[in-house]
Structures are given as C-alpha cells and as structure tokens.
Amino acid sequence: TLLELSAVTITNEINKQDFAMAQLFVCGGGAHNQVLMRRLGQLLPHAA
C-alpha cells in the first residue's frame, strides 16, 4: 500500500498537469525499484 501511495500520488500530479503523454525519465533510488517502475507504467499507459 505504501508503494501504491507513492505511485498514485506521483501519477495523479502528472495527470493534473496534463503531462500524461510526455516522456517520463526517472532518477534517484526509486529508479531501481522494479515494482514501483512497473506500477508507474501501468498508471501512465499513454506516456511516450
């Protein structure tokens, strides 16, 4: 649930700002969390 919280709050804000179709480049330690990265992809299906 804590992982989902991070993923949802990140993608909610990207959607609010109309950047859901933009390219997403990730940095920081979270870039190595494969489950989190996969969830971001699921929540942003139209990302370039």
All heavy atoms as atom14 arrays in JSON, in Angstrom:
{
  "sequence": "TLLELSAVTITNEINKQDFAMAQLFVCGGGAHNQVLMRRLGQLLPHAA",
  "atom14_mask": [
    [1, 1, 1, 1, 1, 1, 1, 0, 0, 0, 0, 0, 0, 0],
    [1, 1, 1, 1, 1, 1, 1, 1, 0, 0, 0, 0, 0, 0],
    [1, 1, 1, 1, 1, 1, 1, 1, 0, 0, 0, 0, 0, 0],
    [1, 1, 1, 1, 1, 1, 1, 1, 1, 0, 0, 0, 0, 0],
    [1, 1, 1, 1, 1, 1, 1, 1, 0, 0, 0, 0, 0, 0],
    [1, 1, 1, 1, 1, 1, 0, 0, 0, 0, 0, 0, 0, 0],
    [1, 1, 1, 1, 1, 0, 0, 0, 0, 0, 0, 0, 0, 0],
    [1, 1, 1, 1, 1, 1, 1, 0, 0, 0, 0, 0, 0, 0],
    [1, 1, 1, 1, 1, 1, 1, 0, 0, 0, 0, 0, 0, 0],
    [1, 1, 1, 1, 1, 1, 1, 1, 0, 0, 0, 0, 0, 0],
    [1, 1, 1, 1, 1, 1, 1, 0, 0, 0, 0, 0, 0, 0],
    [1, 1, 1, 1, 1, 1, 1, 1, 0, 0, 0, 0, 0, 0],
    [1, 1, 1, 1, 1, 1, 1, 1, 1, 0, 0, 0, 0, 0],
    [1, 1, 1, 1, 1, 1, 1, 1, 0, 0, 0, 0, 0, 0],
    [1, 1, 1, 1, 1, 1, 1, 1, 0, 0, 0, 0, 0, 0],
    [1, 1, 1, 1, 1, 1, 1, 1, 1, 0, 0, 0, 0, 0],
    [1, 1, 1, 1, 1, 1, 1, 1, 1, 0, 0, 0, 0, 0],
    [1, 1, 1, 1, 1, 1, 1, 1, 0, 0, 0, 0, 0, 0],
    [1, 1, 1, 1, 1, 1, 1, 1, 1, 1, 1, 0, 0, 0],
    [1, 1, 1, 1, 1, 0, 0, 0, 0, 0, 0, 0, 0, 0],
    [1, 1, 1, 1, 1, 1, 1, 1, 0, 0, 0, 0, 0, 0],
    [1, 1, 1, 1, 1, 0, 0, 0, 0, 0, 0, 0, 0, 0],
    [1, 1, 1, 1, 1, 1, 1, 1, 1, 0, 0, 0, 0, 0],
    [1, 1, 1, 1, 1, 1, 1, 1, 0, 0, 0, 0, 0, 0],
    [1, 1, 1, 1, 1, 1, 1, 1, 1, 1, 1, 0, 0, 0],
    [1, 1, 1, 1, 1, 1, 1, 0, 0, 0, 0, 0, 0, 0],
    [1, 1, 1, 1, 1, 1, 0, 0, 0, 0, 0, 0, 0, 0],
    [1, 1, 1, 1, 0, 0, 0, 0, 0, 0, 0, 0, 0, 0],
    [1, 1, 1, 1, 0, 0, 0, 0, 0, 0, 0, 0, 0, 0],
    [1, 1, 1, 1, 0, 0, 0, 0, 0, 0, 0, 0, 0, 0],
    [1, 1, 1, 1, 1, 0, 0, 0, 0, 0, 0, 0, 0, 0],
    [1, 1, 1, 1, 1, 1, 1, 1, 1, 1, 0, 0, 0, 0],
    [1, 1, 1, 1, 1, 1, 1, 1, 0, 0, 0, 0, 0, 0],
    [1, 1, 1, 1, 1, 1, 1, 1, 1, 0, 0, 0, 0, 0],
    [1, 1, 1, 1, 1, 1, 1, 0, 0, 0, 0, 0, 0, 0],
    [1, 1, 1, 1, 1, 1, 1, 1, 0, 0, 0, 0, 0, 0],
    [1, 1, 1, 1, 1, 1, 1, 1, 0, 0, 0, 0, 0, 0],
    [1, 1, 1, 1, 1, 1, 1, 1, 1, 1, 1, 0, 0, 0],
    [1, 1, 1, 1, 1, 1, 1, 1, 1, 1, 1, 0, 0, 0],
    [1, 1, 1, 1, 1, 1, 1, 1, 0, 0, 0, 0, 0, 0],
    [1, 1, 1, 1, 0, 0, 0, 0, 0, 0, 0, 0, 0, 0],
    [1, 1, 1, 1, 1, 1, 1, 1, 1, 0, 0, 0, 0, 0],
    [1, 1, 1, 1, 1, 1, 1, 1, 0, 0, 0, 0, 0, 0],
    [1, 1, 1, 1, 1, 1, 1, 1, 0, 0, 0, 0, 0, 0],
    [1, 1, 1, 1, 1, 1, 1, 0, 0, 0, 0, 0, 0, 0],
    [1, 1, 1, 1, 1, 1, 1, 1, 1, 1, 0, 0, 0, 0],
    [1, 1, 1, 1, 1, 0, 0, 0, 0, 0, 0, 0, 0, 0],
    [1, 1, 1, 1, 1, 0, 0, 0, 0, 0, 0, 0, 0, 0]
  ],
  "atom14_positions": [
    [[0.83, -1.2, 0.0], [0.0, 0.0, 0.0], [0.86, 1.26, 0.0], [0.53, 2.26, -0.65], [-0.94, 0.0, 1.22], [-1.69, -1.22, 1.22], [-1.9, 1.18, 1.18], [0.0, 0.0, 0.0], [0.0, 0.0, 0.0], [0.0, 0.0, 0.0], [0.0, 0.0, 0.0], [0.0, 0.0, 0.0], [0.0, 0.0, 0.0], [0.0, 0.0, 0.0]],
    [[1.98, 1.22, 0.71], [2.88, 2.37, 0.74], [3.52, 2.59, -0.64], [3.7, 3.73, -1.08], [3.97, 2.17, 1.8], [3.46, 2.11, 3.24], [4.61, 1.79, 4.19], [2.77, 3.41, 3.65], [0.0, 0.0, 0.0], [0.0, 0.0, 0.0], [0.0, 0.0, 0.0], [0.0, 0.0, 0.0], [0.0, 0.0, 0.0], [0.0, 0.0, 0.0]],
    [[3.83, 1.5, -1.34], [4.34, 1.63, -2.7], [3.26, 2.22, -3.6], [3.53, 3.1, -4.42], [4.8, 0.27, -3.22], [5.47, 0.26, -4.6], [6.56, -0.82, -4.69], [4.45, 0.03, -5.73], [0.0, 0.0, 0.0], [0.0, 0.0, 0.0], [0.0, 0.0, 0.0], [0.0, 0.0, 0.0], [0.0, 0.0, 0.0], [0.0, 0.0, 0.0]],
    [[2.05, 1.72, -3.44], [0.93, 2.24, -4.25], [0.71, 3.72, -3.97], [0.41, 4.5, -4.89], [-0.33, 1.44, -3.95], [-1.55, 1.86, -4.77], [-1.5, 1.4, -6.23], [-0.49, 0.77, -6.63], [-2.47, 1.68, -6.96], [0.0, 0.0, 0.0], [0.0, 0.0, 0.0], [0.0, 0.0, 0.0], [0.0, 0.0, 0.0], [0.0, 0.0, 0.0]],
    [[0.84, 4.14, -2.72], [0.68, 5.55, -2.36], [1.68, 6.41, -3.14], [1.31, 7.45, -3.7], [0.88, 5.75, -0.86], [0.82, 7.19, -0.37], [-0.6, 7.75, -0.49], [1.31, 7.29, 1.07], [0.0, 0.0, 0.0], [0.0, 0.0, 0.0], [0.0, 0.0, 0.0], [0.0, 0.0, 0.0], [0.0, 0.0, 0.0], [0.0, 0.0, 0.0]],
    [[2.94, 5.98, -3.17], [3.94, 6.74, -3.91], [3.59, 6.8, -5.39], [3.62, 7.87, -6.01], [5.33, 6.12, -3.72], [5.76, 6.23, -2.39], [0.0, 0.0, 0.0], [0.0, 0.0, 0.0], [0.0, 0.0, 0.0], [0.0, 0.0, 0.0], [0.0, 0.0, 0.0], [0.0, 0.0, 0.0], [0.0, 0.0, 0.0], [0.0, 0.0, 0.0]],
    [[3.23, 5.66, -5.96], [2.92, 5.59, -7.39], [1.7, 6.44, -7.75], [1.71, 7.19, -8.73], [2.7, 4.15, -7.81], [0.0, 0.0, 0.0], [0.0, 0.0, 0.0], [0.0, 0.0, 0.0], [0.0, 0.0, 0.0], [0.0, 0.0, 0.0], [0.0, 0.0, 0.0], [0.0, 0.0, 0.0], [0.0, 0.0, 0.0], [0.0, 0.0, 0.0]],
    [[0.66, 6.35, -6.94], [-0.59, 7.07, -7.23], [-0.41, 8.58, -7.08], [-0.88, 9.36, -7.92], [-1.72, 6.55, -6.32], [-2.92, 7.49, -6.35], [-2.13, 5.15, -6.73], [0.0, 0.0, 0.0], [0.0, 0.0, 0.0], [0.0, 0.0, 0.0], [0.0, 0.0, 0.0], [0.0, 0.0, 0.0], [0.0, 0.0, 0.0], [0.0, 0.0, 0.0]],
    [[0.26, 9.0, -6.02], [0.41, 10.45, -5.81], [1.32, 11.07, -6.87], [1.11, 12.21, -7.28], [0.94, 10.75, -4.4], [2.11, 9.96, -4.12], [-0.13, 10.43, -3.35], [0.0, 0.0, 0.0], [0.0, 0.0, 0.0], [0.0, 0.0, 0.0], [0.0, 0.0, 0.0], [0.0, 0.0, 0.0], [0.0, 0.0, 0.0], [0.0, 0.0, 0.0]],
    [[2.32, 10.32, -7.33], [3.17, 10.81, -8.42], [2.36, 10.95, -9.71], [2.35, 12.01, -10.35], [4.36, 9.86, -8.65], [5.36, 9.95, -7.49], [5.06, 10.17, -9.98], [6.38, 8.82, -7.48], [0.0, 0.0, 0.0], [0.0, 0.0, 0.0], [0.0, 0.0, 0.0], [0.0, 0.0, 0.0], [0.0, 0.0, 0.0], [0.0, 0.0, 0.0]],
    [[1.67, 9.9, -10.09], [0.96, 9.9, -11.37], [-0.27, 10.81, -11.34], [-0.61, 11.41, -12.36], [0.57, 8.47, -11.78], [-0.18, 7.86, -10.72], [1.81, 7.64, -12.04], [0.0, 0.0, 0.0], [0.0, 0.0, 0.0], [0.0, 0.0, 0.0], [0.0, 0.0, 0.0], [0.0, 0.0, 0.0], [0.0, 0.0, 0.0], [0.0, 0.0, 0.0]],
    [[-0.92, 10.94, -10.18], [-2.03, 11.88, -10.09], [-1.59, 13.29, -10.45], [-2.28, 14.03, -11.17], [-2.61, 11.89, -8.67], [-3.56, 10.73, -8.42], [-3.89, 9.98, -9.34], [-3.98, 10.56, -7.18], [0.0, 0.0, 0.0], [0.0, 0.0, 0.0], [0.0, 0.0, 0.0], [0.0, 0.0, 0.0], [0.0, 0.0, 0.0], [0.0, 0.0, 0.0]],
    [[-0.42, 13.68, -9.94], [0.07, 15.04, -10.2], [0.48, 15.2, -11.67], [0.27, 16.26, -12.26], [1.24, 15.36, -9.28], [0.88, 15.43, -7.8], [0.01, 16.64, -7.46], [-0.31, 17.45, -8.36], [-0.37, 16.78, -6.28], [0.0, 0.0, 0.0], [0.0, 0.0, 0.0], [0.0, 0.0, 0.0], [0.0, 0.0, 0.0], [0.0, 0.0, 0.0]],
    [[1.07, 14.18, -12.25], [1.43, 14.25, -13.67], [0.17, 14.4, -14.52], [0.13, 15.2, -15.47], [2.23, 13.0, -14.07], [3.6, 13.01, -13.39], [2.39, 12.92, -15.59], [4.41, 11.74, -13.59], [0.0, 0.0, 0.0], [0.0, 0.0, 0.0], [0.0, 0.0, 0.0], [0.0, 0.0, 0.0], [0.0, 0.0, 0.0], [0.0, 0.0, 0.0]],
    [[-0.87, 13.68, -14.16], [-2.14, 13.79, -14.89], [-2.78, 15.16, -14.72], [-3.31, 15.73, -15.68], [-3.11, 12.69, -14.44], [-2.75, 11.33, -15.0], [-2.39, 11.2, -16.16], [-2.85, 10.29, -14.17], [0.0, 0.0, 0.0], [0.0, 0.0, 0.0], [0.0, 0.0, 0.0], [0.0, 0.0, 0.0], [0.0, 0.0, 0.0], [0.0, 0.0, 0.0]],
    [[-2.74, 15.69, -13.5], [-3.32, 17.0, -13.24], [-2.7, 18.08, -14.12], [-3.35, 19.03, -14.53], [-3.13, 17.39, -11.77], [-4.06, 16.74, -10.79], [-3.75, 17.28, -9.39], [-4.38, 16.45, -8.3], [-3.98, 16.94, -6.96], [0.0, 0.0, 0.0], [0.0, 0.0, 0.0], [0.0, 0.0, 0.0], [0.0, 0.0, 0.0], [0.0, 0.0, 0.0]],
    [[-1.41, 17.92, -14.37], [-0.68, 18.93, -15.14], [-0.67, 18.65, -16.64], [0.02, 19.31, -17.41], [0.77, 19.01, -14.63], [0.91, 19.35, -13.16], [0.38, 20.72, -12.81], [0.42, 21.63, -13.62], [-0.12, 20.89, -11.59], [0.0, 0.0, 0.0], [0.0, 0.0, 0.0], [0.0, 0.0, 0.0], [0.0, 0.0, 0.0], [0.0, 0.0, 0.0]],
    [[-1.48, 17.66, -17.07], [-1.62, 17.32, -18.5], [-0.3, 16.89, -19.13], [0.0, 17.23, -20.29], [-2.22, 18.49, -19.28], [-3.65, 18.8, -18.85], [-4.38, 17.85, -18.5], [-4.04, 19.98, -18.85], [0.0, 0.0, 0.0], [0.0, 0.0, 0.0], [0.0, 0.0, 0.0], [0.0, 0.0, 0.0], [0.0, 0.0, 0.0], [0.0, 0.0, 0.0]],
    [[0.49, 16.14, -18.39], [1.75, 15.62, -18.92], [1.73, 14.09, -19.01], [2.78, 13.46, -19.07], [2.92, 16.07, -18.04], [3.51, 17.39, -18.47], [2.84, 18.58, -18.25], [4.75, 17.44, -19.1], [3.38, 19.79, -18.63], [5.3, 18.64, -19.49], [4.62, 19.84, -19.26], [0.0, 0.0, 0.0], [0.0, 0.0, 0.0], [0.0, 0.0, 0.0]],
    [[0.55, 13.5, -19.04], [0.44, 12.04, -19.03], [0.99, 11.4, -20.29], [1.33, 10.21, -20.28], [-1.02, 11.62, -18.84], [0.0, 0.0, 0.0], [0.0, 0.0, 0.0], [0.0, 0.0, 0.0], [0.0, 0.0, 0.0], [0.0, 0.0, 0.0], [0.0, 0.0, 0.0], [0.0, 0.0, 0.0], [0.0, 0.0, 0.0], [0.0, 0.0, 0.0]],
    [[1.11, 12.17, -21.38], [1.61, 11.61, -22.63], [3.07, 12.0, -22.89], [3.63, 11.67, -23.93], [0.73, 12.07, -23.8], [-0.72, 11.6, -23.68], [-1.76, 12.18, -25.03], [-1.07, 11.25, -26.42], [0.0, 0.0, 0.0], [0.0, 0.0, 0.0], [0.0, 0.0, 0.0], [0.0, 0.0, 0.0], [0.0, 0.0, 0.0], [0.0, 0.0, 0.0]],
    [[3.67, 12.68, -21.94], [5.06, 13.1, -22.1], [6.01, 11.94, -21.86], [5.61, 10.86, -21.39], [5.36, 14.24, -21.12], [0.0, 0.0, 0.0], [0.0, 0.0, 0.0], [0.0, 0.0, 0.0], [0.0, 0.0, 0.0], [0.0, 0.0, 0.0], [0.0, 0.0, 0.0], [0.0, 0.0, 0.0], [0.0, 0.0, 0.0], [0.0, 0.0, 0.0]],
    [[7.27, 12.14, -22.2], [8.3, 11.19, -21.81], [8.55, 11.32, -20.31], [8.6, 12.43, -19.79], [9.6, 11.46, -22.56], [9.52, 11.25, -24.06], [10.83, 11.59, -24.74], [11.59, 12.44, -24.29], [11.1, 10.93, -25.86], [0.0, 0.0, 0.0], [0.0, 0.0, 0.0], [0.0, 0.0, 0.0], [0.0, 0.0, 0.0], [0.0, 0.0, 0.0]],
    [[8.72, 10.2, -19.63], [9.0, 10.19, -18.19], [10.38, 9.6, -17.96], [10.64, 8.45, -18.33], [7.95, 9.38, -17.44], [8.19, 9.21, -15.93], [8.06, 10.53, -15.2], [7.22, 8.19, -15.33], [0.0, 0.0, 0.0], [0.0, 0.0, 0.0], [0.0, 0.0, 0.0], [0.0, 0.0, 0.0], [0.0, 0.0, 0.0], [0.0, 0.0, 0.0]],
    [[11.26, 10.4, -17.36], [12.6, 9.94, -17.03], [12.76, 9.96, -15.51], [12.5, 10.99, -14.87], [13.66, 10.82, -17.7], [13.67, 10.7, -19.2], [13.02, 11.65, -19.97], [14.31, 9.64, -19.82], [13.02, 11.55, -21.36], [14.31, 9.52, -21.21], [13.67, 10.47, -21.99], [0.0, 0.0, 0.0], [0.0, 0.0, 0.0], [0.0, 0.0, 0.0]],
    [[13.18, 8.84, -14.95], [13.22, 8.66, -13.5], [14.66, 8.64, -13.02], [15.54, 8.03, -13.64], [12.51, 7.36, -13.09], [12.44, 7.24, -11.57], [11.11, 7.29, -13.71], [0.0, 0.0, 0.0], [0.0, 0.0, 0.0], [0.0, 0.0, 0.0], [0.0, 0.0, 0.0], [0.0, 0.0, 0.0], [0.0, 0.0, 0.0], [0.0, 0.0, 0.0]],
    [[14.9, 9.33, -11.9], [16.2, 9.28, -11.24], [15.99, 9.08, -9.75], [14.87, 9.08, -9.26], [17.0, 10.55, -11.52], [16.19, 12.09, -11.02], [0.0, 0.0, 0.0], [0.0, 0.0, 0.0], [0.0, 0.0, 0.0], [0.0, 0.0, 0.0], [0.0, 0.0, 0.0], [0.0, 0.0, 0.0], [0.0, 0.0, 0.0], [0.0, 0.0, 0.0]],
    [[17.1, 8.92, -9.02], [17.0, 8.65, -7.59], [16.92, 7.15, -7.33], [16.8, 6.32, -8.25], [0.0, 0.0, 0.0], [0.0, 0.0, 0.0], [0.0, 0.0, 0.0], [0.0, 0.0, 0.0], [0.0, 0.0, 0.0], [0.0, 0.0, 0.0], [0.0, 0.0, 0.0], [0.0, 0.0, 0.0], [0.0, 0.0, 0.0], [0.0, 0.0, 0.0]],
    [[16.95, 6.79, -6.05], [16.95, 5.38, -5.67], [15.73, 4.63, -6.15], [15.8, 3.42, -6.42], [0.0, 0.0, 0.0], [0.0, 0.0, 0.0], [0.0, 0.0, 0.0], [0.0, 0.0, 0.0], [0.0, 0.0, 0.0], [0.0, 0.0, 0.0], [0.0, 0.0, 0.0], [0.0, 0.0, 0.0], [0.0, 0.0, 0.0], [0.0, 0.0, 0.0]],
    [[14.6, 5.31, -6.26], [13.37, 4.65, -6.69], [13.43, 4.12, -8.11], [12.64, 3.25, -8.48], [0.0, 0.0, 0.0], [0.0, 0.0, 0.0], [0.0, 0.0, 0.0], [0.0, 0.0, 0.0], [0.0, 0.0, 0.0], [0.0, 0.0, 0.0], [0.0, 0.0, 0.0], [0.0, 0.0, 0.0], [0.0, 0.0, 0.0], [0.0, 0.0, 0.0]],
    [[14.38, 4.61, -8.9], [14.53, 4.11, -10.28], [14.93, 2.64, -10.29], [14.76, 1.96, -11.3], [15.56, 4.95, -11.02], [0.0, 0.0, 0.0], [0.0, 0.0, 0.0], [0.0, 0.0, 0.0], [0.0, 0.0, 0.0], [0.0, 0.0, 0.0], [0.0, 0.0, 0.0], [0.0, 0.0, 0.0], [0.0, 0.0, 0.0], [0.0, 0.0, 0.0]],
    [[15.47, 2.14, -9.17], [15.89, 0.74, -9.08], [14.79, -0.18, -8.54], [14.98, -1.39, -8.49], [17.12, 0.62, -8.18], [18.28, 1.43, -8.66], [18.97, 1.15, -9.82], [18.86, 2.55, -8.14], [19.94, 2.04, -9.99], [19.9, 2.9, -8.99], [0.0, 0.0, 0.0], [0.0, 0.0, 0.0], [0.0, 0.0, 0.0], [0.0, 0.0, 0.0]],
    [[13.67, 0.41, -8.11], [12.56, -0.38, -7.59], [11.7, -0.84, -8.77], [10.88, -0.09, -9.28], [11.74, 0.46, -6.6], [10.67, -0.35, -5.89], [10.02, -1.21, -6.49], [10.44, -0.05, -4.62], [0.0, 0.0, 0.0], [0.0, 0.0, 0.0], [0.0, 0.0, 0.0], [0.0, 0.0, 0.0], [0.0, 0.0, 0.0], [0.0, 0.0, 0.0]],
    [[11.92, -2.06, -9.2], [11.28, -2.55, -10.41], [9.75, -2.59, -10.29], [9.03, -2.34, -11.26], [11.83, -3.93, -10.77], [13.32, -3.92, -11.08], [13.9, -5.32, -11.26], [13.16, -6.31, -11.25], [15.21, -5.4, -11.41], [0.0, 0.0, 0.0], [0.0, 0.0, 0.0], [0.0, 0.0, 0.0], [0.0, 0.0, 0.0], [0.0, 0.0, 0.0]],
    [[9.26, -2.93, -9.1], [7.81, -2.99, -8.91], [7.21, -1.6, -9.01], [6.16, -1.39, -9.65], [7.47, -3.64, -7.55], [5.97, -3.62, -7.3], [7.99, -5.08, -7.5], [0.0, 0.0, 0.0], [0.0, 0.0, 0.0], [0.0, 0.0, 0.0], [0.0, 0.0, 0.0], [0.0, 0.0, 0.0], [0.0, 0.0, 0.0], [0.0, 0.0, 0.0]],
    [[7.87, -0.61, -8.43], [7.39, 0.76, -8.5], [7.44, 1.27, -9.94], [6.49, 1.92, -10.41], [8.22, 1.65, -7.58], [7.88, 3.15, -7.56], [6.42, 3.37, -7.19], [8.8, 3.88, -6.57], [0.0, 0.0, 0.0], [0.0, 0.0, 0.0], [0.0, 0.0, 0.0], [0.0, 0.0, 0.0], [0.0, 0.0, 0.0], [0.0, 0.0, 0.0]],
    [[8.52, 0.99, -10.63], [8.63, 1.45, -12.03], [7.54, 0.82, -12.89], [6.93, 1.49, -13.74], [10.01, 1.09, -12.57], [11.16, 1.9, -11.98], [11.15, 3.64, -12.51], [11.67, 3.46, -14.22], [0.0, 0.0, 0.0], [0.0, 0.0, 0.0], [0.0, 0.0, 0.0], [0.0, 0.0, 0.0], [0.0, 0.0, 0.0], [0.0, 0.0, 0.0]],
    [[7.28, -0.47, -12.67], [6.23, -1.14, -13.44], [4.86, -0.53, -13.13], [4.03, -0.35, -14.04], [6.26, -2.63, -13.12], [5.32, -3.46, -13.99], [5.71, -4.93, -14.01], [5.81, -5.5, -12.67], [6.97, -5.89, -12.12], [8.11, -5.72, -12.76], [6.99, -6.42, -10.91], [0.0, 0.0, 0.0], [0.0, 0.0, 0.0], [0.0, 0.0, 0.0]],
    [[4.64, -0.19, -11.86], [3.34, 0.4, -11.49], [3.17, 1.78, -12.11], [2.07, 2.14, -12.53], [3.24, 0.48, -9.96], [1.88, 0.93, -9.46], [0.79, -0.02, -9.9], [-0.53, 0.4, -9.42], [-1.64, 0.3, -10.14], [-1.61, -0.2, -11.38], [-2.8, 0.7, -9.64], [0.0, 0.0, 0.0], [0.0, 0.0, 0.0], [0.0, 0.0, 0.0]],
    [[4.24, 2.55, -12.17], [4.16, 3.86, -12.83], [3.74, 3.69, -14.29], [2.93, 4.46, -14.81], [5.51, 4.58, -12.75], [5.97, 5.04, -11.37], [7.39, 5.57, -11.43], [5.03, 6.11, -10.81], [0.0, 0.0, 0.0], [0.0, 0.0, 0.0], [0.0, 0.0, 0.0], [0.0, 0.0, 0.0], [0.0, 0.0, 0.0], [0.0, 0.0, 0.0]],
    [[4.29, 2.67, -14.94], [3.91, 2.39, -16.32], [2.44, 2.03, -16.47], [1.78, 2.45, -17.42], [0.0, 0.0, 0.0], [0.0, 0.0, 0.0], [0.0, 0.0, 0.0], [0.0, 0.0, 0.0], [0.0, 0.0, 0.0], [0.0, 0.0, 0.0], [0.0, 0.0, 0.0], [0.0, 0.0, 0.0], [0.0, 0.0, 0.0], [0.0, 0.0, 0.0]],
    [[1.93, 1.27, -15.51], [0.52, 0.9, -15.56], [-0.4, 2.1, -15.35], [-1.48, 2.18, -15.95], [0.25, -0.16, -14.49], [0.93, -1.49, -14.76], [0.87, -2.43, -13.57], [0.54, -2.03, -12.45], [1.22, -3.71, -13.8], [0.0, 0.0, 0.0], [0.0, 0.0, 0.0], [0.0, 0.0, 0.0], [0.0, 0.0, 0.0], [0.0, 0.0, 0.0]],
    [[0.03, 3.03, -14.51], [-0.79, 4.2, -14.21], [-0.64, 5.32, -15.24], [-1.43, 6.26, -15.26], [-0.44, 4.74, -12.82], [-0.81, 3.82, -11.65], [-0.22, 4.35, -10.35], [-2.33, 3.69, -11.53], [0.0, 0.0, 0.0], [0.0, 0.0, 0.0], [0.0, 0.0, 0.0], [0.0, 0.0, 0.0], [0.0, 0.0, 0.0], [0.0, 0.0, 0.0]],
    [[0.38, 5.2, -16.09], [0.61, 6.17, -17.16], [0.7, 5.43, -18.5], [1.74, 5.42, -19.16], [1.89, 6.97, -16.91], [1.9, 7.9, -15.7], [3.3, 8.44, -15.44], [0.92, 9.07, -15.9], [0.0, 0.0, 0.0], [0.0, 0.0, 0.0], [0.0, 0.0, 0.0], [0.0, 0.0, 0.0], [0.0, 0.0, 0.0], [0.0, 0.0, 0.0]],
    [[-0.39, 4.79, -18.92], [-0.33, 3.93, -20.11], [-0.05, 4.68, -21.41], [0.35, 4.07, -22.4], [-1.72, 3.28, -20.13], [-2.61, 4.26, -19.42], [-1.75, 4.85, -18.34], [0.0, 0.0, 0.0], [0.0, 0.0, 0.0], [0.0, 0.0, 0.0], [0.0, 0.0, 0.0], [0.0, 0.0, 0.0], [0.0, 0.0, 0.0], [0.0, 0.0, 0.0]],
    [[-0.27, 5.99, -21.42], [-0.1, 6.75, -22.65], [1.2, 7.54, -22.68], [1.42, 8.34, -23.61], [-1.28, 7.71, -22.83], [-2.61, 7.01, -22.87], [-2.96, 6.1, -23.84], [-3.68, 7.07, -22.02], [-4.17, 5.63, -23.61], [-4.63, 6.2, -22.51], [0.0, 0.0, 0.0], [0.0, 0.0, 0.0], [0.0, 0.0, 0.0], [0.0, 0.0, 0.0]],
    [[2.06, 7.31, -21.69], [3.35, 8.01, -21.68], [4.15, 7.64, -22.93], [4.17, 6.48, -23.35], [4.13, 7.66, -20.42], [0.0, 0.0, 0.0], [0.0, 0.0, 0.0], [0.0, 0.0, 0.0], [0.0, 0.0, 0.0], [0.0, 0.0, 0.0], [0.0, 0.0, 0.0], [0.0, 0.0, 0.0], [0.0, 0.0, 0.0], [0.0, 0.0, 0.0]],
    [[4.8, 8.64, -23.52], [5.58, 8.38, -24.73], [6.74, 7.44, -24.47], [7.15, 6.68, -25.35], [6.09, 9.71, -25.3], [0.0, 0.0, 0.0], [0.0, 0.0, 0.0], [0.0, 0.0, 0.0], [0.0, 0.0, 0.0], [0.0, 0.0, 0.0], [0.0, 0.0, 0.0], [0.0, 0.0, 0.0], [0.0, 0.0, 0.0], [0.0, 0.0, 0.0]]
  ]
}
